[in-house]
């Protein structure tokens, strides 16, 4: 009987110890090391990703800046070329008009020397119509040029 009592006590003590250890193990936070590792890994990867994103943003910003500078340079060169072309056309037009008017003045001077009023009136009428045609042609060319440049 004593043996039976000892066996019951040993079994009872063993079960009680097993239950106490199980309860203590259940209340312990076994996942804490795993959680800490996950948090540390997440922070490390987040830092790497942030660094990569920042580097990408910096490279994109530099690329955009270079592209904007190139576009501005091209626009400036095109504008300078257009201004030069327009000024050369204007100078040529002025020179042509000067030569035409100089010729008209010489013709008028010769007509004035001869004293023929009817010839002078014909000359004035012809000069006026020629000037009107030149002005109309110049206006049409200017309008067409501006329209084509606005279309581009």
C-alpha atoms as a PDB file:
ATOM      1  CA  UNK A   1       0.000   0.000   0.000  1.00  0.00           C
ATOM      2  CA  UNK A   2       2.747   2.255   0.729  1.00  0.00           C
ATOM      3  CA  UNK A   3       3.992   1.484  -2.669  1.00  0.00           C
ATOM      4  CA  UNK A   4       0.711   2.331  -4.183  1.00  0.00           C
ATOM      5  CA  UNK A   5       0.631   5.581  -2.260  1.00  0.00           C
ATOM      6  CA  UNK A   6       4.133   6.380  -3.434  1.00  0.00           C
ATOM      7  CA  UNK A   7       3.219   5.571  -7.030  1.00  0.00           C
ATOM      8  CA  UNK A   8       0.100   7.730  -6.827  1.00  0.00           C
ATOM      9  CA  UNK A   9       2.120  10.574  -5.301  1.00  0.00           C
ATOM     10  CA  UNK A  10       4.841  10.258  -7.921  1.00  0.00           C
ATOM     11  CA  UNK A  11       2.281  10.164 -10.726  1.00  0.00           C
ATOM     12  CA  UNK A  12       0.383  13.031  -9.139  1.00  0.00           C
ATOM     13  CA  UNK A  13       3.565  15.045  -8.669  1.00  0.00           C
ATOM     14  CA  UNK A  14       4.677  14.249 -12.245  1.00  0.00           C
ATOM     15  CA  UNK A  15       1.323  15.339 -13.687  1.00  0.00           C
ATOM     16  CA  UNK A  16       1.305  18.473 -11.583  1.00  0.00           C
ATOM     17  CA  UNK A  17       4.861  19.342 -12.679  1.00  0.00           C
ATOM     18  CA  UNK A  18       3.966  18.640 -16.299  1.00  0.00           C
ATOM     19  CA  UNK A  19       0.873  20.846 -16.060  1.00  0.00           C
ATOM     20  CA  UNK A  20       2.784  23.657 -14.355  1.00  0.00           C
ATOM     21  CA  UNK A  21       5.524  23.541 -16.996  1.00  0.00           C
ATOM     22  CA  UNK A  22       2.953  23.493 -19.806  1.00  0.00           C
ATOM     23  CA  UNK A  23       1.123  26.457 -18.318  1.00  0.00           C
ATOM     24  CA  UNK A  24       4.386  28.376 -17.826  1.00  0.00           C
ATOM     25  CA  UNK A  25       5.452  27.559 -21.393  1.00  0.00           C
ATOM     26  CA  UNK A  26       2.065  28.660 -22.723  1.00  0.00           C
ATOM     27  CA  UNK A  27       2.361  32.007 -20.954  1.00  0.00           C
ATOM     28  CA  UNK A  28       5.922  32.586 -22.099  1.00  0.00           C
ATOM     29  CA  UNK A  29       6.405  34.605 -25.296  1.00  0.00           C
ATOM     30  CA  UNK A  30       8.250  32.177 -27.530  1.00  0.00           C
ATOM     31  CA  UNK A  31       7.610  34.255 -30.630  1.00  0.00           C
ATOM     32  CA  UNK A  32       9.460  37.304 -29.252  1.00  0.00           C
ATOM     33  CA  UNK A  33      12.795  36.388 -30.906  1.00  0.00           C
ATOM     34  CA  UNK A  34      11.014  35.763 -34.213  1.00  0.00           C
ATOM     35  CA  UNK A  35       9.162  39.051 -33.930  1.00  0.00           C
ATOM     36  CA  UNK A  36      12.377  40.914 -33.113  1.00  0.00           C
ATOM     37  CA  UNK A  37      14.145  39.319 -36.091  1.00  0.00           C
ATOM     38  CA  UNK A  38      11.237  40.226 -38.389  1.00  0.00           C
ATOM     39  CA  UNK A  39      11.175  43.829 -37.174  1.00  0.00           C
ATOM     40  CA  UNK A  40      14.940  44.182 -37.580  1.00  0.00           C
ATOM     41  CA  UNK A  41      14.838  42.641 -41.075  1.00  0.00           C
ATOM     42  CA  UNK A  42      11.909  44.845 -42.068  1.00  0.00           C
ATOM     43  CA  UNK A  43      13.713  47.977 -40.899  1.00  0.00           C
ATOM     44  CA  UNK A  44      16.892  46.956 -42.702  1.00  0.00           C
ATOM     45  CA  UNK A  45      15.049  46.291 -45.970  1.00  0.00           C
ATOM     46  CA  UNK A  46      13.069  49.527 -45.534  1.00  0.00           C
ATOM     47  CA  UNK A  47      16.306  51.490 -45.176  1.00  0.00           C
ATOM     48  CA  UNK A  48      17.728  49.851 -48.314  1.00  0.00           C
ATOM     49  CA  UNK A  49      14.535  50.546 -50.255  1.00  0.00           C
ATOM     50  CA  UNK A  50      14.448  54.161 -49.085  1.00  0.00           C
ATOM     51  CA  UNK A  51      18.078  54.594 -50.128  1.00  0.00           C
ATOM     52  CA  UNK A  52      17.349  53.079 -53.546  1.00  0.00           C
ATOM     53  CA  UNK A  53      14.268  55.267 -54.011  1.00  0.00           C
ATOM     54  CA  UNK A  54      16.206  58.375 -52.994  1.00  0.00           C
ATOM     55  CA  UNK A  55      19.002  57.481 -55.409  1.00  0.00           C
ATOM     56  CA  UNK A  56      16.452  56.950 -58.195  1.00  0.00           C
ATOM     57  CA  UNK A  57      14.820  60.291 -57.439  1.00  0.00           C
ATOM     58  CA  UNK A  58      18.190  62.038 -57.487  1.00  0.00           C
ATOM     59  CA  UNK A  59      19.100  60.449 -60.828  1.00  0.00           C
ATOM     60  CA  UNK A  60      15.697  61.313 -62.298  1.00  0.00           C
ATOM     61  CA  UNK A  61      16.028  64.896 -61.069  1.00  0.00           C
ATOM     62  CA  UNK A  62      19.463  65.245 -62.637  1.00  0.00           C
ATOM     63  CA  UNK A  63      18.233  63.704 -65.882  1.00  0.00           C
ATOM     64  CA  UNK A  64      15.264  66.048 -65.951  1.00  0.00           C
ATOM     65  CA  UNK A  65      17.525  69.022 -65.300  1.00  0.00           C
ATOM     66  CA  UNK A  66      19.878  68.021 -68.124  1.00  0.00           C
ATOM     67  CA  UNK A  67      16.927  67.467 -70.461  1.00  0.00           C
ATOM     68  CA  UNK A  68      15.429  70.840 -69.568  1.00  0.00           C
ATOM     69  CA  UNK A  69      18.768  72.574 -70.169  1.00  0.00           C
ATOM     70  CA  UNK A  70      19.152  70.845 -73.547  1.00  0.00           C
ATOM     71  CA  UNK A  71      15.617  71.824 -74.546  1.00  0.00           C
ATOM     72  CA  UNK A  72      16.238  75.415 -73.487  1.00  0.00           C
ATOM     73  CA  UNK A  73      19.499  75.515 -75.458  1.00  0.00           C
ATOM     74  CA  UNK A  74      17.794  74.118 -78.568  1.00  0.00           C
ATOM     75  CA  UNK A  75      14.944  76.592 -78.236  1.00  0.00           C
ATOM     76  CA  UNK A  76      17.415  79.445 -77.798  1.00  0.00           C
ATOM     77  CA  UNK A  77      19.383  78.351 -80.880  1.00  0.00           C
ATOM     78  CA  UNK A  78      16.188  78.014 -82.945  1.00  0.00           C
ATOM     79  CA  UNK A  79      14.992  81.413 -81.787  1.00  0.00           C
ATOM     80  CA  UNK A  80      18.351  83.012 -82.634  1.00  0.00           C
ATOM     81  CA  UNK A  81      18.304  81.393 -86.083  1.00  0.00           C
ATOM     82  CA  UNK A  82      14.756  82.587 -86.695  1.00  0.00           C
ATOM     83  CA  UNK A  83      15.653  86.126 -85.588  1.00  0.00           C
ATOM     84  CA  UNK A  84      18.733  86.110 -87.829  1.00  0.00           C
ATOM     85  CA  UNK A  85      16.757  84.809 -90.813  1.00  0.00           C
ATOM     86  CA  UNK A  86      13.991  87.339 -90.268  1.00  0.00           C
ATOM     87  CA  UNK A  87      16.427  90.217 -89.910  1.00  0.00           C
ATOM     88  CA  UNK A  88      18.286  89.184 -93.084  1.00  0.00           C
ATOM     89  CA  UNK A  89      14.983  89.004 -94.978  1.00  0.00           C
ATOM     90  CA  UNK A  90      14.007  92.427 -93.636  1.00  0.00           C
ATOM     91  CA  UNK A  91      17.385  93.902 -94.617  1.00  0.00           C
ATOM     92  CA  UNK A  92      17.112  92.402 -98.102  1.00  0.00           C
ATOM     93  CA  UNK A  93      13.563  93.739 -98.439  1.00  0.00           C
ATOM     94  CA  UNK A  94      14.644  97.203 -97.308  1.00  0.00           C
ATOM     95  CA  UNK A  95      17.588  97.165 -99.712  1.00  0.00           C
ATOM     96  CA  UNK A  96      15.336  96.141-102.591  1.00  0.00           C
ATOM     97  CA  UNK A  97      12.868  98.899-101.735  1.00  0.00           C
ATOM     98  CA  UNK A  98      15.711 101.436-101.447  1.00  0.00           C
ATOM     99  CA  UNK A  99      17.009 100.522-104.881  1.00  0.00           C
ATOM    100  CA  UNK A 100      13.509 100.671-106.332  1.00  0.00           C
ATOM    101  CA  UNK A 101      12.844 104.069-104.791  1.00  0.00           C
ATOM    102  CA  UNK A 102      16.235 105.362-105.885  1.00  0.00           C
ATOM    103  CA  UNK A 103      15.402 104.304-109.452  1.00  0.00           C
ATOM    104  CA  UNK A 104      11.986 105.939-109.165  1.00  0.00           C
ATOM    105  CA  UNK A 105      13.524 109.165-107.902  1.00  0.00           C
ATOM    106  CA  UNK A 106      15.983 109.201-110.815  1.00  0.00           C
ATOM    107  CA  UNK A 107      13.141 108.596-113.265  1.00  0.00           C
ATOM    108  CA  UNK A 108      11.088 111.341-111.643  1.00  0.00           C
ATOM    109  CA  UNK A 109      14.041 113.718-111.831  1.00  0.00           C
ATOM    110  CA  UNK A 110      14.462 112.995-115.542  1.00  0.00           C
ATOM    111  CA  UNK A 111      10.737 113.506-116.151  1.00  0.00           C
ATOM    112  CA  UNK A 112      10.853 116.760-114.200  1.00  0.00           C
ATOM    113  CA  UNK A 113      13.745 117.976-116.393  1.00  0.00           C
ATOM    114  CA  UNK A 114      11.859 117.270-119.594  1.00  0.00           C
ATOM    115  CA  UNK A 115       8.788 119.064-118.244  1.00  0.00           C
ATOM    116  CA  UNK A 116       6.158 116.648-119.553  1.00  0.00           C
ATOM    117  CA  UNK A 117       3.387 116.752-116.951  1.00  0.00           C
ATOM    118  CA  UNK A 118       1.350 113.960-118.583  1.00  0.00           C
ATOM    119  CA  UNK A 119       4.367 111.630-118.518  1.00  0.00           C
ATOM    120  CA  UNK A 120       4.968 112.550-114.897  1.00  0.00           C
ATOM    121  CA  UNK A 121       1.340 111.732-113.970  1.00  0.00           C
ATOM    122  CA  UNK A 122       1.637 108.344-115.718  1.00  0.00           C
ATOM    123  CA  UNK A 123       4.864 107.710-113.855  1.00  0.00           C
ATOM    124  CA  UNK A 124       3.281 108.573-110.478  1.00  0.00           C
ATOM    125  CA  UNK A 125       0.290 106.331-111.194  1.00  0.00           C
ATOM    126  CA  UNK A 126       2.515 103.394-112.246  1.00  0.00           C
ATOM    127  CA  UNK A 127       4.766 103.871-109.202  1.00  0.00           C
ATOM    128  CA  UNK A 128       1.768 103.976-106.868  1.00  0.00           C
ATOM    129  CA  UNK A 129       0.286 100.754-108.253  1.00  0.00           C
ATOM    130  CA  UNK A 130       3.697  99.025-108.114  1.00  0.00           C
ATOM    131  CA  UNK A 131       4.122 100.099-104.475  1.00  0.00           C
ATOM    132  CA  UNK A 132       0.612  98.876-103.650  1.00  0.00           C
ATOM    133  CA  UNK A 133       1.388  95.464-105.172  1.00  0.00           C
ATOM    134  CA  UNK A 134       4.671  95.245-103.254  1.00  0.00           C
ATOM    135  CA  UNK A 135       2.976  96.112 -99.957  1.00  0.00           C
ATOM    136  CA  UNK A 136       0.195  93.562-100.564  1.00  0.00           C
ATOM    137  CA  UNK A 137       2.718  90.865-101.484  1.00  0.00           C
ATOM    138  CA  UNK A 138       4.849  91.629 -98.411  1.00  0.00           C
ATOM    139  CA  UNK A 139       1.767  91.507 -96.144  1.00  0.00           C
ATOM    140  CA  UNK A 140       0.681  88.152 -97.595  1.00  0.00           C
ATOM    141  CA  UNK A 141       4.187  86.677 -97.199  1.00  0.00           C
ATOM    142  CA  UNK A 142       4.384  87.914 -93.612  1.00  0.00           C
ATOM    143  CA  UNK A 143       0.963  86.484 -92.724  1.00  0.00           C
ATOM    144  CA  UNK A 144       1.814  83.138 -94.348  1.00  0.00           C
ATOM    145  CA  UNK A 145       5.175  82.999 -92.564  1.00  0.00           C
ATOM    146  CA  UNK A 146       3.659  83.757 -89.163  1.00  0.00           C
ATOM    147  CA  UNK A 147       0.822  81.292 -89.739  1.00  0.00           C
ATOM    148  CA  UNK A 148       3.242  78.507 -90.676  1.00  0.00           C
ATOM    149  CA  UNK A 149       5.406  79.230 -87.621  1.00  0.00           C
ATOM    150  CA  UNK A 150       2.373  79.199 -85.345  1.00  0.00           C
ATOM    151  CA  UNK A 151       1.304  75.875 -86.879  1.00  0.00           C
ATOM    152  CA  UNK A 152       4.650  74.283 -85.937  1.00  0.00           C
END
